[in-house]
Amino acid sequence: MRELIIHDTNTARVTELMALVAGLGSGRVTAGPADPTGCDMVCNATPLGMTEGDPLPVATELLVPSMFVGDVIAGHGETWFLSAARRSGCKTANGDQMVEAVQEMMLASCSSK
């Protein structure tokens, strides 16, 4: 079963994002805690964890090597959050790598309009 669990400290943003993705029909969408336990992929789309001393978006001690961890904010290289995930044995991708991976899809989407 595919499930997207959305967490944000701002409940209005959670509600808004859930409404945006609910109609995609690709699996269940729920709101949840900042606990990555049981997840295959953990993606951060906030400025949390960009530099040392920042609060982290999830408890990094709960990350396990089987998880893929991404930080979607481009232009910052390996964030403190990604560094912690890598030290936990996770495969990671920074925002630049994530944009590069979907660039062809984004271009195709723009040209089809």
PDB file of N, CA and C in Angstrom:
ATOM      1  N   MET A   1       0.850  -1.186   0.000  1.00  0.00           N
ATOM      2  CA  MET A   1       0.000   0.000   0.000  1.00  0.00           C
ATOM      3  C   MET A   1       0.888   1.239   0.000  1.00  0.00           C
ATOM      4  N   ARG A   2       0.553   2.191  -0.830  1.00  0.00           N
ATOM      5  CA  ARG A   2       1.304   3.443  -0.854  1.00  0.00           C
ATOM      6  C   ARG A   2       0.586   4.467  -0.003  1.00  0.00           C
ATOM      7  N   GLU A   3       1.392   5.167   0.802  1.00  0.00           N
ATOM      8  CA  GLU A   3       0.821   6.176   1.685  1.00  0.00           C
ATOM      9  C   GLU A   3       1.780   7.352   1.781  1.00  0.00           C
ATOM     10  N   LEU A   4       1.219   8.533   1.737  1.00  0.00           N
ATOM     11  CA  LEU A   4       1.970   9.757   1.952  1.00  0.00           C
ATOM     12  C   LEU A   4       1.549  10.298   3.304  1.00  0.00           C
ATOM     13  N   ILE A   5       2.525  10.469   4.184  1.00  0.00           N
ATOM     14  CA  ILE A   5       2.261  11.036   5.509  1.00  0.00           C
ATOM     15  C   ILE A   5       2.858  12.430   5.520  1.00  0.00           C
ATOM     16  N   ILE A   6       2.029  13.415   5.774  1.00  0.00           N
ATOM     17  CA  ILE A   6       2.460  14.811   5.758  1.00  0.00           C
ATOM     18  C   ILE A   6       2.556  15.316   7.186  1.00  0.00           C
ATOM     19  N   HIS A   7       3.696  15.932   7.485  1.00  0.00           N
ATOM     20  CA  HIS A   7       3.870  16.557   8.794  1.00  0.00           C
ATOM     21  C   HIS A   7       4.367  17.980   8.597  1.00  0.00           C
ATOM     22  N   ASP A   8       3.807  18.880   9.360  1.00  0.00           N
ATOM     23  CA  ASP A   8       4.258  20.268   9.398  1.00  0.00           C
ATOM     24  C   ASP A   8       3.816  20.819  10.742  1.00  0.00           C
ATOM     25  N   THR A   9       4.584  21.723  11.287  1.00  0.00           N
ATOM     26  CA  THR A   9       4.192  22.335  12.554  1.00  0.00           C
ATOM     27  C   THR A   9       2.993  23.256  12.377  1.00  0.00           C
ATOM     28  N   ASN A  10       2.705  23.644  11.129  1.00  0.00           N
ATOM     29  CA  ASN A  10       1.572  24.510  10.813  1.00  0.00           C
ATOM     30  C   ASN A  10       0.448  23.642  10.250  1.00  0.00           C
ATOM     31  N   THR A  11      -0.615  23.436  11.024  1.00  0.00           N
ATOM     32  CA  THR A  11      -1.701  22.548  10.597  1.00  0.00           C
ATOM     33  C   THR A  11      -2.439  23.065   9.364  1.00  0.00           C
ATOM     34  N   ALA A  12      -2.471  24.366   9.167  1.00  0.00           N
ATOM     35  CA  ALA A  12      -3.122  24.914   7.965  1.00  0.00           C
ATOM     36  C   ALA A  12      -2.378  24.471   6.709  1.00  0.00           C
ATOM     37  N   ARG A  13      -1.052  24.445   6.755  1.00  0.00           N
ATOM     38  CA  ARG A  13      -0.267  23.985   5.601  1.00  0.00           C
ATOM     39  C   ARG A  13      -0.503  22.500   5.359  1.00  0.00           C
ATOM     40  N   VAL A  14      -0.621  21.718   6.429  1.00  0.00           N
ATOM     41  CA  VAL A  14      -0.901  20.280   6.280  1.00  0.00           C
ATOM     42  C   VAL A  14      -2.231  20.094   5.560  1.00  0.00           C
ATOM     43  N   THR A  15      -3.245  20.791   6.013  1.00  0.00           N
ATOM     44  CA  THR A  15      -4.576  20.681   5.415  1.00  0.00           C
ATOM     45  C   THR A  15      -4.552  21.083   3.947  1.00  0.00           C
ATOM     46  N   GLU A  16      -3.866  22.178   3.643  1.00  0.00           N
ATOM     47  CA  GLU A  16      -3.777  22.661   2.265  1.00  0.00           C
ATOM     48  C   GLU A  16      -3.063  21.656   1.365  1.00  0.00           C
ATOM     49  N   LEU A  17      -1.947  21.112   1.818  1.00  0.00           N
ATOM     50  CA  LEU A  17      -1.203  20.143   1.011  1.00  0.00           C
ATOM     51  C   LEU A  17      -1.991  18.850   0.838  1.00  0.00           C
ATOM     52  N   MET A  18      -2.656  18.408   1.893  1.00  0.00           N
ATOM     53  CA  MET A  18      -3.477  17.202   1.780  1.00  0.00           C
ATOM     54  C   MET A  18      -4.567  17.389   0.732  1.00  0.00           C
ATOM     55  N   ALA A  19      -5.176  18.553   0.691  1.00  0.00           N
ATOM     56  CA  ALA A  19      -6.219  18.833  -0.300  1.00  0.00           C
ATOM     57  C   ALA A  19      -5.638  18.840  -1.711  1.00  0.00           C
ATOM     58  N   LEU A  20      -4.431  19.368  -1.865  1.00  0.00           N
ATOM     59  CA  LEU A  20      -3.802  19.427  -3.187  1.00  0.00           C
ATOM     60  C   LEU A  20      -3.486  18.042  -3.743  1.00  0.00           C
ATOM     61  N   VAL A  21      -3.016  17.131  -2.892  1.00  0.00           N
ATOM     62  CA  VAL A  21      -2.589  15.818  -3.389  1.00  0.00           C
ATOM     63  C   VAL A  21      -3.659  14.739  -3.278  1.00  0.00           C
ATOM     64  N   ALA A  22      -4.733  14.999  -2.561  1.00  0.00           N
ATOM     65  CA  ALA A  22      -5.765  13.979  -2.346  1.00  0.00           C
ATOM     66  C   ALA A  22      -6.384  13.493  -3.650  1.00  0.00           C
ATOM     67  N   GLY A  23      -6.552  14.375  -4.599  1.00  0.00           N
ATOM     68  CA  GLY A  23      -7.199  14.011  -5.849  1.00  0.00           C
ATOM     69  C   GLY A  23      -6.313  13.293  -6.848  1.00  0.00           C
ATOM     70  N   LEU A  24      -5.067  13.061  -6.525  1.00  0.00           N
ATOM     71  CA  LEU A  24      -4.160  12.409  -7.466  1.00  0.00           C
ATOM     72  C   LEU A  24      -4.429  10.913  -7.594  1.00  0.00           C
ATOM     73  N   GLY A  25      -5.088  10.329  -6.595  1.00  0.00           N
ATOM     74  CA  GLY A  25      -5.455   8.921  -6.657  1.00  0.00           C
ATOM     75  C   GLY A  25      -4.296   7.956  -6.647  1.00  0.00           C
ATOM     76  N   SER A  26      -3.197   8.311  -6.041  1.00  0.00           N
ATOM     77  CA  SER A  26      -2.017   7.454  -6.038  1.00  0.00           C
ATOM     78  C   SER A  26      -1.790   6.753  -4.704  1.00  0.00           C
ATOM     79  N   GLY A  27      -2.722   6.763  -3.824  1.00  0.00           N
ATOM     80  CA  GLY A  27      -2.557   6.131  -2.519  1.00  0.00           C
ATOM     81  C   GLY A  27      -3.194   6.972  -1.442  1.00  0.00           C
ATOM     82  N   ARG A  28      -3.036   6.523  -0.236  1.00  0.00           N
ATOM     83  CA  ARG A  28      -3.636   7.198   0.911  1.00  0.00           C
ATOM     84  C   ARG A  28      -2.779   8.389   1.337  1.00  0.00           C
ATOM     85  N   VAL A  29      -3.429   9.479   1.715  1.00  0.00           N
ATOM     86  CA  VAL A  29      -2.751  10.678   2.210  1.00  0.00           C
ATOM     87  C   VAL A  29      -3.260  10.943   3.616  1.00  0.00           C
ATOM     88  N   THR A  30      -2.325  11.028   4.578  1.00  0.00           N
ATOM     89  CA  THR A  30      -2.709  11.287   5.963  1.00  0.00           C
ATOM     90  C   THR A  30      -1.786  12.330   6.573  1.00  0.00           C
ATOM     91  N   ALA A  31      -2.233  12.910   7.672  1.00  0.00           N
ATOM     92  CA  ALA A  31      -1.381  13.786   8.475  1.00  0.00           C
ATOM     93  C   ALA A  31      -0.774  12.915   9.570  1.00  0.00           C
ATOM     94  N   GLY A  32       0.462  13.205   9.931  1.00  0.00           N
ATOM     95  CA  GLY A  32       1.102  12.385  10.945  1.00  0.00           C
ATOM     96  C   GLY A  32       2.183  13.126  11.690  1.00  0.00           C
ATOM     97  N   PRO A  33       2.814  12.432  12.630  1.00  0.00           N
ATOM     98  CA  PRO A  33       3.870  13.040  13.434  1.00  0.00           C
ATOM     99  C   PRO A  33       5.194  13.101  12.670  1.00  0.00           C
ATOM    100  N   ALA A  34       6.164  13.741  13.256  1.00  0.00           N
ATOM    101  CA  ALA A  34       7.495  13.864  12.657  1.00  0.00           C
ATOM    102  C   ALA A  34       8.340  12.630  12.956  1.00  0.00           C
ATOM    103  N   ASP A  35       7.716  11.483  12.992  1.00  0.00           N
ATOM    104  CA  ASP A  35       8.384  10.217  13.298  1.00  0.00           C
ATOM    105  C   ASP A  35       8.514   9.421  12.003  1.00  0.00           C
ATOM    106  N   PRO A  36       9.742   9.193  11.520  1.00  0.00           N
ATOM    107  CA  PRO A  36       9.916   8.503  10.249  1.00  0.00           C
ATOM    108  C   PRO A  36       9.823   6.971  10.334  1.00  0.00           C
ATOM    109  N   THR A  37       9.576   6.437  11.516  1.00  0.00           N
ATOM    110  CA  THR A  37       9.543   4.990  11.699  1.00  0.00           C
ATOM    111  C   THR A  37       8.571   4.348  10.712  1.00  0.00           C
ATOM    112  N   GLY A  38       9.060   3.350   9.997  1.00  0.00           N
ATOM    113  CA  GLY A  38       8.231   2.621   9.049  1.00  0.00           C
ATOM    114  C   GLY A  38       8.169   3.223   7.658  1.00  0.00           C
ATOM    115  N   CYS A  39       8.790   4.367   7.457  1.00  0.00           N
ATOM    116  CA  CYS A  39       8.768   5.013   6.137  1.00  0.00           C
ATOM    117  C   CYS A  39       9.914   4.490   5.273  1.00  0.00           C
ATOM    118  N   ASP A  40       9.677   4.446   3.976  1.00  0.00           N
ATOM    119  CA  ASP A  40      10.725   4.092   3.023  1.00  0.00           C
ATOM    120  C   ASP A  40      11.474   5.329   2.555  1.00  0.00           C
ATOM    121  N   MET A  41      10.757   6.452   2.495  1.00  0.00           N
ATOM    122  CA  MET A  41      11.332   7.703   2.025  1.00  0.00           C
ATOM    123  C   MET A  41      10.916   8.832   2.965  1.00  0.00           C
ATOM    124  N   VAL A  42      11.878   9.690   3.279  1.00  0.00           N
ATOM    125  CA  VAL A  42      11.617  10.850   4.130  1.00  0.00           C
ATOM    126  C   VAL A  42      12.128  12.069   3.363  1.00  0.00           C
ATOM    127  N   CYS A  43      11.229  13.002   3.052  1.00  0.00           N
ATOM    128  CA  CYS A  43      11.623  14.210   2.316  1.00  0.00           C
ATOM    129  C   CYS A  43      11.306  15.445   3.139  1.00  0.00           C
ATOM    130  N   ASN A  44      12.261  16.328   3.213  1.00  0.00           N
ATOM    131  CA  ASN A  44      12.097  17.592   3.920  1.00  0.00           C
ATOM    132  C   ASN A  44      11.895  18.701   2.899  1.00  0.00           C
ATOM    133  N   ALA A  45      10.785  19.433   3.044  1.00  0.00           N
ATOM    134  CA  ALA A  45      10.502  20.556   2.153  1.00  0.00           C
ATOM    135  C   ALA A  45      10.390  21.841   2.954  1.00  0.00           C
ATOM    136  N   THR A  46      11.134  21.913   4.060  1.00  0.00           N
ATOM    137  CA  THR A  46      11.129  23.083   4.930  1.00  0.00           C
ATOM    138  C   THR A  46      12.562  23.573   5.086  1.00  0.00           C
ATOM    139  N   PRO A  47      12.757  24.751   5.642  1.00  0.00           N
ATOM    140  CA  PRO A  47      14.124  25.210   5.912  1.00  0.00           C
ATOM    141  C   PRO A  47      14.746  24.573   7.167  1.00  0.00           C
ATOM    142  N   LEU A  48      14.000  23.699   7.858  1.00  0.00           N
ATOM    143  CA  LEU A  48      14.546  23.058   9.058  1.00  0.00           C
ATOM    144  C   LEU A  48      15.735  22.172   8.697  1.00  0.00           C
ATOM    145  N   GLY A  49      16.773  22.231   9.511  1.00  0.00           N
ATOM    146  CA  GLY A  49      17.921  21.353   9.340  1.00  0.00           C
ATOM    147  C   GLY A  49      18.906  21.774   8.283  1.00  0.00           C
ATOM    148  N   MET A  50      18.837  23.022   7.848  1.00  0.00           N
ATOM    149  CA  MET A  50      19.762  23.472   6.810  1.00  0.00           C
ATOM    150  C   MET A  50      21.168  23.705   7.354  1.00  0.00           C
ATOM    151  N   THR A  51      21.261  24.156   8.582  1.00  0.00           N
ATOM    152  CA  THR A  51      22.573  24.416   9.155  1.00  0.00           C
ATOM    153  C   THR A  51      22.673  23.796  10.543  1.00  0.00           C
ATOM    154  N   GLU A  52      23.896  23.586  10.974  1.00  0.00           N
ATOM    155  CA  GLU A  52      24.134  23.013  12.298  1.00  0.00           C
ATOM    156  C   GLU A  52      23.455  23.864  13.362  1.00  0.00           C
ATOM    157  N   GLY A  53      22.778  23.219  14.278  1.00  0.00           N
ATOM    158  CA  GLY A  53      22.086  23.917  15.346  1.00  0.00           C
ATOM    159  C   GLY A  53      20.614  24.153  15.064  1.00  0.00           C
ATOM    160  N   ASP A  54      20.205  24.034  13.783  1.00  0.00           N
ATOM    161  CA  ASP A  54      18.787  24.151  13.445  1.00  0.00           C
ATOM    162  C   ASP A  54      18.021  22.985  14.049  1.00  0.00           C
ATOM    163  N   PRO A  55      16.754  23.194  14.383  1.00  0.00           N
ATOM    164  CA  PRO A  55      15.930  22.032  14.721  1.00  0.00           C
ATOM    165  C   PRO A  55      15.787  21.178  13.459  1.00  0.00           C
ATOM    166  N   LEU A  56      15.742  19.869  13.636  1.00  0.00           N
ATOM    167  CA  LEU A  56      15.643  18.970  12.489  1.00  0.00           C
ATOM    168  C   LEU A  56      14.181  18.604  12.232  1.00  0.00           C
ATOM    169  N   PRO A  57      13.831  18.325  10.967  1.00  0.00           N
ATOM    170  CA  PRO A  57      12.439  18.047  10.634  1.00  0.00           C
ATOM    171  C   PRO A  57      11.918  16.729  11.192  1.00  0.00           C
ATOM    172  N   VAL A  58      12.791  15.773  11.411  1.00  0.00           N
ATOM    173  CA  VAL A  58      12.417  14.504  12.044  1.00  0.00           C
ATOM    174  C   VAL A  58      13.523  14.114  13.010  1.00  0.00           C
ATOM    175  N   ALA A  59      13.203  13.182  13.886  1.00  0.00           N
ATOM    176  CA  ALA A  59      14.212  12.675  14.829  1.00  0.00           C
ATOM    177  C   ALA A  59      15.186  11.791  14.056  1.00  0.00           C
ATOM    178  N   THR A  60      16.379  12.299  13.809  1.00  0.00           N
ATOM    179  CA  THR A  60      17.329  11.571  12.963  1.00  0.00           C
ATOM    180  C   THR A  60      17.806  10.265  13.597  1.00  0.00           C
ATOM    181  N   GLU A  61      17.681  10.134  14.902  1.00  0.00           N
ATOM    182  CA  GLU A  61      18.072   8.859  15.525  1.00  0.00           C
ATOM    183  C   GLU A  61      17.103   7.735  15.155  1.00  0.00           C
ATOM    184  N   LEU A  62      15.968   8.082  14.562  1.00  0.00           N
ATOM    185  CA  LEU A  62      14.990   7.086  14.124  1.00  0.00           C
ATOM    186  C   LEU A  62      15.162   6.701  12.654  1.00  0.00           C
ATOM    187  N   LEU A  63      16.099   7.358  11.959  1.00  0.00           N
ATOM    188  CA  LEU A  63      16.374   7.011  10.569  1.00  0.00           C
ATOM    189  C   LEU A  63      17.162   5.711  10.529  1.00  0.00           C
ATOM    190  N   VAL A  64      16.841   4.852   9.567  1.00  0.00           N
ATOM    191  CA  VAL A  64      17.550   3.582   9.406  1.00  0.00           C
ATOM    192  C   VAL A  64      18.082   3.489   7.978  1.00  0.00           C
ATOM    193  N   PRO A  65      19.132   2.683   7.759  1.00  0.00           N
ATOM    194  CA  PRO A  65      19.783   2.631   6.447  1.00  0.00           C
ATOM    195  C   PRO A  65      18.874   2.286   5.271  1.00  0.00           C
ATOM    196  N   SER A  66      17.755   1.630   5.494  1.00  0.00           N
ATOM    197  CA  SER A  66      16.870   1.266   4.378  1.00  0.00           C
ATOM    198  C   SER A  66      16.053   2.452   3.865  1.00  0.00           C
ATOM    199  N   MET A  67      16.086   3.589   4.571  1.00  0.00           N
ATOM    200  CA  MET A  67      15.323   4.769   4.163  1.00  0.00           C
ATOM    201  C   MET A  67      16.110   5.612   3.167  1.00  0.00           C
ATOM    202  N   PHE A  68      15.374   6.214   2.239  1.00  0.00           N
ATOM    203  CA  PHE A  68      15.941   7.227   1.360  1.00  0.00           C
ATOM    204  C   PHE A  68      15.516   8.568   1.934  1.00  0.00           C
ATOM    205  N   VAL A  69      16.465   9.500   2.060  1.00  0.00           N
ATOM    206  CA  VAL A  69      16.174  10.800   2.656  1.00  0.00           C
ATOM    207  C   VAL A  69      16.549  11.904   1.668  1.00  0.00           C
ATOM    208  N   GLY A  70      15.597  12.787   1.413  1.00  0.00           N
ATOM    209  CA  GLY A  70      15.830  13.894   0.505  1.00  0.00           C
ATOM    210  C   GLY A  70      15.515  15.220   1.159  1.00  0.00           C
ATOM    211  N   ASP A  71      16.196  16.244   0.698  1.00  0.00           N
ATOM    212  CA  ASP A  71      15.948  17.615   1.140  1.00  0.00           C
ATOM    213  C   ASP A  71      15.693  18.414  -0.127  1.00  0.00           C
ATOM    214  N   VAL A  72      14.472  18.898  -0.331  1.00  0.00           N
ATOM    215  CA  VAL A  72      14.081  19.448  -1.625  1.00  0.00           C
ATOM    216  C   VAL A  72      14.552  20.871  -1.898  1.00  0.00           C
ATOM    217  N   ILE A  73      15.070  21.548  -0.913  1.00  0.00           N
ATOM    218  CA  ILE A  73      15.493  22.932  -1.127  1.00  0.00           C
ATOM    219  C   ILE A  73      16.812  22.944  -1.902  1.00  0.00           C
ATOM    220  N   ALA A  74      16.756  23.457  -3.126  1.00  0.00           N
ATOM    221  CA  ALA A  74      17.927  23.473  -4.003  1.00  0.00           C
ATOM    222  C   ALA A  74      18.871  24.616  -3.644  1.00  0.00           C
ATOM    223  N   GLY A  75      20.130  24.454  -4.029  1.00  0.00           N
ATOM    224  CA  GLY A  75      21.110  25.512  -3.873  1.00  0.00           C
ATOM    225  C   GLY A  75      21.850  25.511  -2.547  1.00  0.00           C
ATOM    226  N   HIS A  76      21.651  24.486  -1.731  1.00  0.00           N
ATOM    227  CA  HIS A  76      22.306  24.458  -0.419  1.00  0.00           C
ATOM    228  C   HIS A  76      23.199  23.247  -0.217  1.00  0.00           C
ATOM    229  N   GLY A  77      23.343  22.395  -1.228  1.00  0.00           N
ATOM    230  CA  GLY A  77      24.196  21.225  -1.098  1.00  0.00           C
ATOM    231  C   GLY A  77      23.701  20.297  -0.009  1.00  0.00           C
ATOM    232  N   GLU A  78      24.642  19.683   0.682  1.00  0.00           N
ATOM    233  CA  GLU A  78      24.276  18.764   1.751  1.00  0.00           C
ATOM    234  C   GLU A  78      23.948  19.551   3.015  1.00  0.00           C
ATOM    235  N   THR A  79      22.698  19.520   3.400  1.00  0.00           N
ATOM    236  CA  THR A  79      22.254  20.218   4.609  1.00  0.00           C
ATOM    237  C   THR A  79      22.662  19.413   5.843  1.00  0.00           C
ATOM    238  N   TRP A  80      22.538  20.032   6.981  1.00  0.00           N
ATOM    239  CA  TRP A  80      22.823  19.367   8.245  1.00  0.00           C
ATOM    240  C   TRP A  80      21.914  18.141   8.396  1.00  0.00           C
ATOM    241  N   PHE A  81      20.666  18.271   7.998  1.00  0.00           N
ATOM    242  CA  PHE A  81      19.717  17.165   8.041  1.00  0.00           C
ATOM    243  C   PHE A  81      20.200  16.000   7.174  1.00  0.00           C
ATOM    244  N   LEU A  82      20.616  16.275   5.941  1.00  0.00           N
ATOM    245  CA  LEU A  82      21.098  15.207   5.058  1.00  0.00           C
ATOM    246  C   LEU A  82      22.377  14.583   5.590  1.00  0.00           C
ATOM    247  N   SER A  83      23.223  15.391   6.170  1.00  0.00           N
ATOM    248  CA  SER A  83      24.452  14.864   6.756  1.00  0.00           C
ATOM    249  C   SER A  83      24.135  13.874   7.875  1.00  0.00           C
ATOM    250  N   ALA A  84      23.163  14.221   8.710  1.00  0.00           N
ATOM    251  CA  ALA A  84      22.751  13.325   9.794  1.00  0.00           C
ATOM    252  C   ALA A  84      22.157  12.035   9.219  1.00  0.00           C
ATOM    253  N   ALA A  85      21.372  12.157   8.158  1.00  0.00           N
ATOM    254  CA  ALA A  85      20.775  10.980   7.521  1.00  0.00           C
ATOM    255  C   ALA A  85      21.861  10.080   6.921  1.00  0.00           C
ATOM    256  N   ARG A  86      22.842  10.675   6.279  1.00  0.00           N
ATOM    257  CA  ARG A  86      23.946   9.908   5.698  1.00  0.00           C
ATOM    258  C   ARG A  86      24.726   9.172   6.770  1.00  0.00           C
ATOM    259  N   ARG A  87      24.940   9.848   7.911  1.00  0.00           N
ATOM    260  CA  ARG A  87      25.640   9.196   9.029  1.00  0.00           C
ATOM    261  C   ARG A  87      24.835   8.028   9.594  1.00  0.00           C
ATOM    262  N   SER A  88      23.513   8.062   9.399  1.00  0.00           N
ATOM    263  CA  SER A  88      22.651   6.954   9.826  1.00  0.00           C
ATOM    264  C   SER A  88      22.643   5.823   8.807  1.00  0.00           C
ATOM    265  N   GLY A  89      23.357   6.008   7.706  1.00  0.00           N
ATOM    266  CA  GLY A  89      23.455   4.981   6.676  1.00  0.00           C
ATOM    267  C   GLY A  89      22.431   5.105   5.566  1.00  0.00           C
ATOM    268  N   CYS A  90      21.667   6.187   5.555  1.00  0.00           N
ATOM    269  CA  CYS A  90      20.635   6.386   4.537  1.00  0.00           C
ATOM    270  C   CYS A  90      21.248   6.875   3.230  1.00  0.00           C
ATOM    271  N   LYS A  91      20.641   6.468   2.119  1.00  0.00           N
ATOM    272  CA  LYS A  91      20.955   7.084   0.840  1.00  0.00           C
ATOM    273  C   LYS A  91      20.252   8.429   0.844  1.00  0.00           C
ATOM    274  N   THR A  92      20.893   9.450   0.262  1.00  0.00           N
ATOM    275  CA  THR A  92      20.339  10.800   0.322  1.00  0.00           C
ATOM    276  C   THR A  92      20.407  11.491  -1.038  1.00  0.00           C
ATOM    277  N   ALA A  93      19.605  12.542  -1.169  1.00  0.00           N
ATOM    278  CA  ALA A  93      19.672  13.431  -2.329  1.00  0.00           C
ATOM    279  C   ALA A  93      19.372  14.841  -1.851  1.00  0.00           C
ATOM    280  N   ASN A  94      20.195  15.786  -2.319  1.00  0.00           N
ATOM    281  CA  ASN A  94      19.929  17.178  -1.972  1.00  0.00           C
ATOM    282  C   ASN A  94      18.976  17.786  -3.007  1.00  0.00           C
ATOM    283  N   GLY A  95      18.582  19.014  -2.791  1.00  0.00           N
ATOM    284  CA  GLY A  95      17.615  19.665  -3.664  1.00  0.00           C
ATOM    285  C   GLY A  95      18.064  19.760  -5.109  1.00  0.00           C
ATOM    286  N   ASP A  96      19.344  20.041  -5.338  1.00  0.00           N
ATOM    287  CA  ASP A  96      19.850  20.125  -6.703  1.00  0.00           C
ATOM    288  C   ASP A  96      19.730  18.772  -7.399  1.00  0.00           C
ATOM    289  N   GLN A  97      20.082  17.704  -6.692  1.00  0.00           N
ATOM    290  CA  GLN A  97      19.985  16.360  -7.263  1.00  0.00           C
ATOM    291  C   GLN A  97      18.527  15.981  -7.540  1.00  0.00           C
ATOM    292  N   MET A  98      17.627  16.396  -6.655  1.00  0.00           N
ATOM    293  CA  MET A  98      16.218  16.075  -6.843  1.00  0.00           C
ATOM    294  C   MET A  98      15.651  16.825  -8.048  1.00  0.00           C
ATOM    295  N   VAL A  99      16.014  18.084  -8.232  1.00  0.00           N
ATOM    296  CA  VAL A  99      15.560  18.846  -9.404  1.00  0.00           C
ATOM    297  C   VAL A  99      16.108  18.200 -10.674  1.00  0.00           C
ATOM    298  N   GLU A 100      17.372  17.832 -10.657  1.00  0.00           N
ATOM    299  CA  GLU A 100      17.987  17.209 -11.821  1.00  0.00           C
ATOM    300  C   GLU A 100      17.260  15.909 -12.196  1.00  0.00           C
ATOM    301  N   ALA A 101      16.861  15.135 -11.194  1.00  0.00           N
ATOM    302  CA  ALA A 101      16.202  13.850 -11.431  1.00  0.00           C
ATOM    303  C   ALA A 101      14.836  14.008 -12.095  1.00  0.00           C
ATOM    304  N   VAL A 102      14.149  15.111 -11.856  1.00  0.00           N
ATOM    305  CA  VAL A 102      12.801  15.298 -12.422  1.00  0.00           C
ATOM    306  C   VAL A 102      12.749  16.384 -13.492  1.00  0.00           C
ATOM    307  N   GLN A 103      13.885  16.892 -13.863  1.00  0.00           N
ATOM    308  CA  GLN A 103      13.939  17.995 -14.822  1.00  0.00           C
ATOM    309  C   GLN A 103      13.247  17.660 -16.142  1.00  0.00           C
ATOM    310  N   GLU A 104      13.477  16.469 -16.691  1.00  0.00           N
ATOM    311  CA  GLU A 104      12.844  16.100 -17.954  1.00  0.00           C
ATOM    312  C   GLU A 104      11.333  16.057 -17.819  1.00  0.00           C
ATOM    313  N   MET A 105      10.817  15.542 -16.701  1.00  0.00           N
ATOM    314  CA  MET A 105       9.372  15.507 -16.475  1.00  0.00           C
ATOM    315  C   MET A 105       8.813  16.914 -16.386  1.00  0.00           C
ATOM    316  N   MET A 106       9.542  17.820 -15.708  1.00  0.00           N
ATOM    317  CA  MET A 106       9.075  19.193 -15.576  1.00  0.00           C
ATOM    318  C   MET A 106       9.036  19.877 -16.944  1.00  0.00           C
ATOM    319  N   LEU A 107      10.057  19.670 -17.757  1.00  0.00           N
ATOM    320  CA  LEU A 107      10.101  20.271 -19.092  1.00  0.00           C
ATOM    321  C   LEU A 107       8.984  19.717 -19.980  1.00  0.00           C
ATOM    322  N   ALA A 108       8.742  18.413 -19.901  1.00  0.00           N
ATOM    323  CA  ALA A 108       7.683  17.793 -20.699  1.00  0.00           C
ATOM    324  C   ALA A 108       6.324  18.334 -20.291  1.00  0.00           C
ATOM    325  N   SER A 109       6.134  18.550 -18.997  1.00  0.00           N
ATOM    326  CA  SER A 109       4.876  19.075 -18.502  1.00  0.00           C
ATOM    327  C   SER A 109       4.642  20.497 -19.021  1.00  0.00           C
ATOM    328  N   CYS A 110       5.691  21.299 -19.044  1.00  0.00           N
ATOM    329  CA  CYS A 110       5.559  22.690 -19.528  1.00  0.00           C
ATOM    330  C   CYS A 110       5.287  22.723 -21.025  1.00  0.00           C
ATOM    331  N   SER A 111       5.920  21.852 -21.775  1.00  0.00           N
ATOM    332  CA  SER A 111       5.757  21.888 -23.237  1.00  0.00           C
ATOM    333  C   SER A 111       4.419  21.305 -23.691  1.00  0.00           C
ATOM    334  N   SER A 112       3.752  20.547 -22.826  1.00  0.00           N
ATOM    335  CA  SER A 112       2.467  19.947 -23.218  1.00  0.00           C
ATOM    336  C   SER A 112       1.293  20.890 -22.964  1.00  0.00           C
ATOM    337  N   LYS A 113       1.560  22.043 -22.377  1.00  0.00           N
ATOM    338  CA  LYS A 113       0.480  22.988 -22.070  1.00  0.00           C
ATOM    339  C   LYS A 113       0.256  23.956 -23.189  1.00  0.00           C
TER     340      LYS A 113
END
